[in-house]
N, C-alpha and C. Protein backbone atom coordinates (compact mmCIF):
# COMPACT_ATOMS: atom_id res chain seq x y z
N MET A 1 1.10 -0.90 0.33
CA MET A 1 0.39 0.06 0.03
C MET A 1 0.80 0.82 -0.03
N LYS A 2 1.09 2.21 -1.34
CA LYS A 2 1.71 2.73 -1.39
C LYS A 2 1.62 4.68 -0.56
N GLY A 3 2.22 5.07 0.30
CA GLY A 3 1.91 6.28 1.22
C GLY A 3 2.07 5.77 2.65
N PHE A 4 1.19 4.11 3.30
CA PHE A 4 1.24 3.82 4.82
C PHE A 4 1.88 4.03 5.22
N ASN A 5 1.75 4.76 6.41
CA ASN A 5 2.86 5.12 7.42
C ASN A 5 2.39 4.64 8.62
N VAL A 6 3.31 3.56 8.80
CA VAL A 6 3.06 2.86 9.94
C VAL A 6 3.29 3.31 11.64
N SER A 7 4.23 4.76 11.55
CA SER A 7 4.51 4.75 13.26
C SER A 7 2.57 5.91 13.28
N LYS A 8 1.65 6.19 11.89
CA LYS A 8 0.56 6.66 12.57
C LYS A 8 -0.67 5.76 12.87
N HIS A 9 0.22 4.51 13.03
CA HIS A 9 -1.19 3.34 13.31
C HIS A 9 -1.93 3.63 14.50
N VAL A 10 -2.42 3.40 14.60
CA VAL A 10 -3.09 3.19 15.89
C VAL A 10 -2.48 2.39 17.28
N LEU A 11 -2.21 0.94 17.25
CA LEU A 11 -1.21 -0.14 17.74
C LEU A 11 0.14 0.34 18.00
N VAL A 12 0.84 1.55 16.99
CA VAL A 12 2.19 1.58 17.05
C VAL A 12 2.13 3.00 18.44
N PRO A 13 3.34 2.32 19.66
CA PRO A 13 3.38 3.27 20.96
C PRO A 13 4.21 4.74 19.59
N LYS A 14 3.92 6.02 20.50
CA LYS A 14 4.85 7.20 20.59
C LYS A 14 6.22 6.68 20.73
N HIS A 15 7.37 7.13 19.21
CA HIS A 15 8.82 7.40 19.66
C HIS A 15 9.02 8.86 19.12
N LYS A 16 10.02 8.70 20.29
CA LYS A 16 10.33 10.12 19.87
C LYS A 16 12.11 10.06 19.99
N LYS A 17 13.07 10.92 19.86
CA LYS A 17 14.26 11.07 19.95
C LYS A 17 14.60 11.82 21.08
N LEU A 18 14.81 11.49 21.94
CA LEU A 18 16.03 12.32 22.99
C LEU A 18 16.69 13.09 22.30
N ALA A 19 17.21 14.22 23.09
CA ALA A 19 18.19 15.28 22.66
C ALA A 19 18.96 15.54 23.52
N ASP A 20 20.53 15.73 22.72
CA ASP A 20 21.76 15.09 23.36
C ASP A 20 21.70 15.31 24.93
N SER A 21 21.11 16.25 25.89
CA SER A 21 21.32 16.51 26.83
C SER A 21 20.02 15.48 27.76
N GLU A 22 19.04 15.15 26.66
CA GLU A 22 18.08 14.37 27.87
C GLU A 22 19.03 13.09 27.49
N LYS A 23 19.23 12.45 26.12
CA LYS A 23 20.23 11.41 26.78
C LYS A 23 21.23 11.24 27.42
N LYS A 24 22.07 12.20 27.97
CA LYS A 24 23.12 12.39 28.79
C LYS A 24 22.19 12.35 30.74
N GLU A 25 21.50 12.10 30.69
CA GLU A 25 21.15 13.00 31.68
C GLU A 25 20.33 11.18 31.62
N LEU A 26 19.38 10.21 31.06
CA LEU A 26 18.81 9.27 31.14
C LEU A 26 20.49 8.19 31.03
N LEU A 27 20.80 8.47 30.64
CA LEU A 27 22.67 7.66 30.78
C LEU A 27 23.33 7.53 32.01
N GLU A 28 23.84 9.21 32.11
CA GLU A 28 23.73 9.18 34.62
C GLU A 28 22.77 9.14 35.31
N HIS A 29 21.70 9.00 34.78
CA HIS A 29 20.61 8.11 36.27
C HIS A 29 20.96 7.19 36.52
N PHE A 30 20.62 6.57 34.77
CA PHE A 30 21.58 5.10 35.33
C PHE A 30 22.19 4.44 35.73
N ASN A 31 23.08 4.81 35.76
CA ASN A 31 24.65 4.97 35.64
C ASN A 31 24.90 3.76 33.86
N ILE A 32 24.04 3.74 32.94
CA ILE A 32 24.37 2.54 32.17
C ILE A 32 25.48 3.46 30.82
N SER A 33 25.39 2.36 30.00
CA SER A 33 26.22 3.06 28.64
C SER A 33 25.14 3.23 27.74
N GLU A 34 25.67 3.98 26.31
CA GLU A 34 24.58 4.22 26.10
C GLU A 34 24.01 1.97 24.78
N MET A 35 25.30 1.68 24.78
CA MET A 35 25.34 0.26 24.14
C MET A 35 24.38 -0.58 25.70
N ASP A 36 24.18 -0.21 26.44
CA ASP A 36 23.88 -0.64 28.01
C ASP A 36 21.81 -1.02 27.67
N LEU A 37 21.56 0.37 27.19
CA LEU A 37 20.15 -0.34 26.12
C LEU A 37 19.88 -0.93 25.46
N PRO A 38 18.68 -1.27 25.57
CA PRO A 38 17.79 -2.10 24.05
C PRO A 38 18.39 -1.78 22.56
N LYS A 39 18.79 -2.36 21.78
CA LYS A 39 18.08 -1.83 20.58
C LYS A 39 17.37 -1.35 19.70
N ILE A 40 17.55 -0.97 18.83
CA ILE A 40 16.09 -0.88 17.91
C ILE A 40 16.57 -0.24 15.83
N SER A 41 16.20 -1.38 15.66
CA SER A 41 16.83 -1.20 13.99
C SER A 41 16.50 0.24 13.24
N VAL A 42 17.96 0.98 13.20
CA VAL A 42 17.16 2.07 12.39
C VAL A 42 16.29 2.31 11.11
N GLU A 43 16.16 0.41 10.34
CA GLU A 43 15.28 0.64 9.57
C GLU A 43 13.77 -0.40 10.06
N ASP A 44 13.70 0.25 11.10
CA ASP A 44 12.18 -0.36 11.79
C ASP A 44 11.59 0.94 11.25
N ALA A 45 9.90 -0.05 11.07
CA ALA A 45 9.18 1.23 10.25
C ALA A 45 8.50 1.79 11.09
N ALA A 46 8.96 2.18 12.77
CA ALA A 46 8.24 2.48 13.60
C ALA A 46 9.50 4.16 13.96
N ILE A 47 10.75 4.12 12.81
CA ILE A 47 11.28 5.43 13.16
C ILE A 47 11.94 5.63 11.65
N THR A 48 11.00 5.08 11.01
CA THR A 48 12.09 5.47 9.31
C THR A 48 11.65 6.76 9.07
N GLU A 49 11.02 7.29 9.12
CA GLU A 49 10.23 8.52 9.15
C GLU A 49 11.12 9.68 9.74
N MET A 50 12.23 9.14 11.32
CA MET A 50 12.06 9.97 11.83
C MET A 50 13.83 10.69 11.41
N LYS A 51 14.53 9.73 10.39
CA LYS A 51 15.61 10.42 9.33
C LYS A 51 16.39 9.62 10.50
N LEU A 52 16.44 8.69 12.04
CA LEU A 52 17.63 8.66 12.77
C LEU A 52 18.86 7.86 12.07
N LYS A 53 19.94 8.51 13.31
CA LYS A 53 21.38 7.14 12.98
C LYS A 53 21.77 6.80 14.53
N PRO A 54 22.53 5.81 13.52
CA PRO A 54 23.19 5.06 14.79
C PRO A 54 23.64 5.28 16.11
N GLY A 55 23.45 5.57 17.52
CA GLY A 55 23.45 6.16 18.73
C GLY A 55 22.60 7.23 18.96
N ASP A 56 21.29 7.06 18.37
CA ASP A 56 20.11 8.88 18.54
C ASP A 56 19.65 7.46 19.79
N VAL A 57 18.96 7.91 21.11
CA VAL A 57 18.45 7.40 21.62
C VAL A 57 16.91 7.54 22.00
N VAL A 58 15.73 6.59 21.82
CA VAL A 58 14.44 7.12 21.32
C VAL A 58 13.90 6.45 22.67
N LYS A 59 12.56 7.48 22.96
CA LYS A 59 11.35 7.21 24.03
C LYS A 59 10.57 6.77 23.43
N VAL A 60 10.32 5.75 23.69
CA VAL A 60 9.09 4.84 23.63
C VAL A 60 7.75 5.03 24.71
N THR A 61 7.02 6.16 23.92
CA THR A 61 5.27 6.18 25.44
C THR A 61 4.41 5.66 24.82
N ARG A 62 3.82 4.23 25.62
CA ARG A 62 3.11 3.50 25.66
C ARG A 62 1.91 3.26 26.82
N GLN A 63 1.10 3.87 26.03
CA GLN A 63 -0.08 3.82 26.83
C GLN A 63 -0.09 2.38 28.44
N SER A 64 -0.65 1.87 29.13
CA SER A 64 -0.89 1.29 29.95
C SER A 64 -2.30 1.14 30.65
N SER A 65 -2.62 -0.12 30.99
CA SER A 65 -4.47 0.30 31.24
C SER A 65 -3.56 0.63 32.72
N THR A 66 -2.30 -0.01 33.46
CA THR A 66 -2.72 0.14 35.12
C THR A 66 -1.72 1.09 35.28
N ALA A 67 -0.21 1.34 34.41
CA ALA A 67 0.07 2.27 34.64
C ALA A 67 0.19 3.68 34.48
N GLY A 68 -0.71 4.08 33.26
CA GLY A 68 -1.27 4.93 32.50
C GLY A 68 -0.46 5.25 31.79
N GLU A 69 1.00 5.88 31.41
CA GLU A 69 2.00 5.70 30.29
C GLU A 69 3.50 4.64 30.99
N SER A 70 3.42 4.24 30.33
CA SER A 70 4.91 3.68 30.40
C SER A 70 6.29 4.24 29.77
N PHE A 71 7.11 4.52 29.89
CA PHE A 71 8.06 4.50 29.29
C PHE A 71 9.58 3.64 28.85
N TYR A 72 9.90 3.22 27.53
CA TYR A 72 10.78 3.04 27.31
C TYR A 72 11.89 3.67 26.57
N TYR A 73 13.28 3.42 27.10
CA TYR A 73 14.04 4.14 25.33
C TYR A 73 15.01 2.35 25.00
N ARG A 74 15.32 2.93 23.46
CA ARG A 74 15.80 1.92 22.64
C ARG A 74 16.74 3.12 22.53
N VAL A 75 18.31 2.51 21.59
CA VAL A 75 19.38 2.76 21.55
C VAL A 75 19.59 2.28 19.36
N VAL A 76 19.50 3.26 18.68
CA VAL A 76 19.05 2.81 17.52
C VAL A 76 21.08 2.54 16.80
N VAL A 77 20.54 1.80 16.34
CA VAL A 77 21.99 0.50 15.26
C VAL A 77 21.23 0.27 13.98
N ASN A 78 22.93 -0.15 13.14
CA ASN A 78 22.81 -0.44 12.28
C ASN A 78 22.56 -1.85 11.92
N GLY A 79 20.56 -1.80 11.30
CA GLY A 79 20.50 -3.24 10.74
C GLY A 79 19.58 -4.46 11.86
């Protein structure tokens, strides 16, 4: 289907690139390196429109029936 943007689908959670300062704060808060974060491929359909590069960190906001919203973080990697 031409022109379909999967990131706009109702079942795909919100993805947002963290600013460098937010990334630094996140890594310092949890005392981790970016490679300690779960990975997401630069080719993942949910983020291809965002034009991210390896090393960028994405905040994923998911709706939860018990917690309201929950946040997950992923580092962008090649393939």
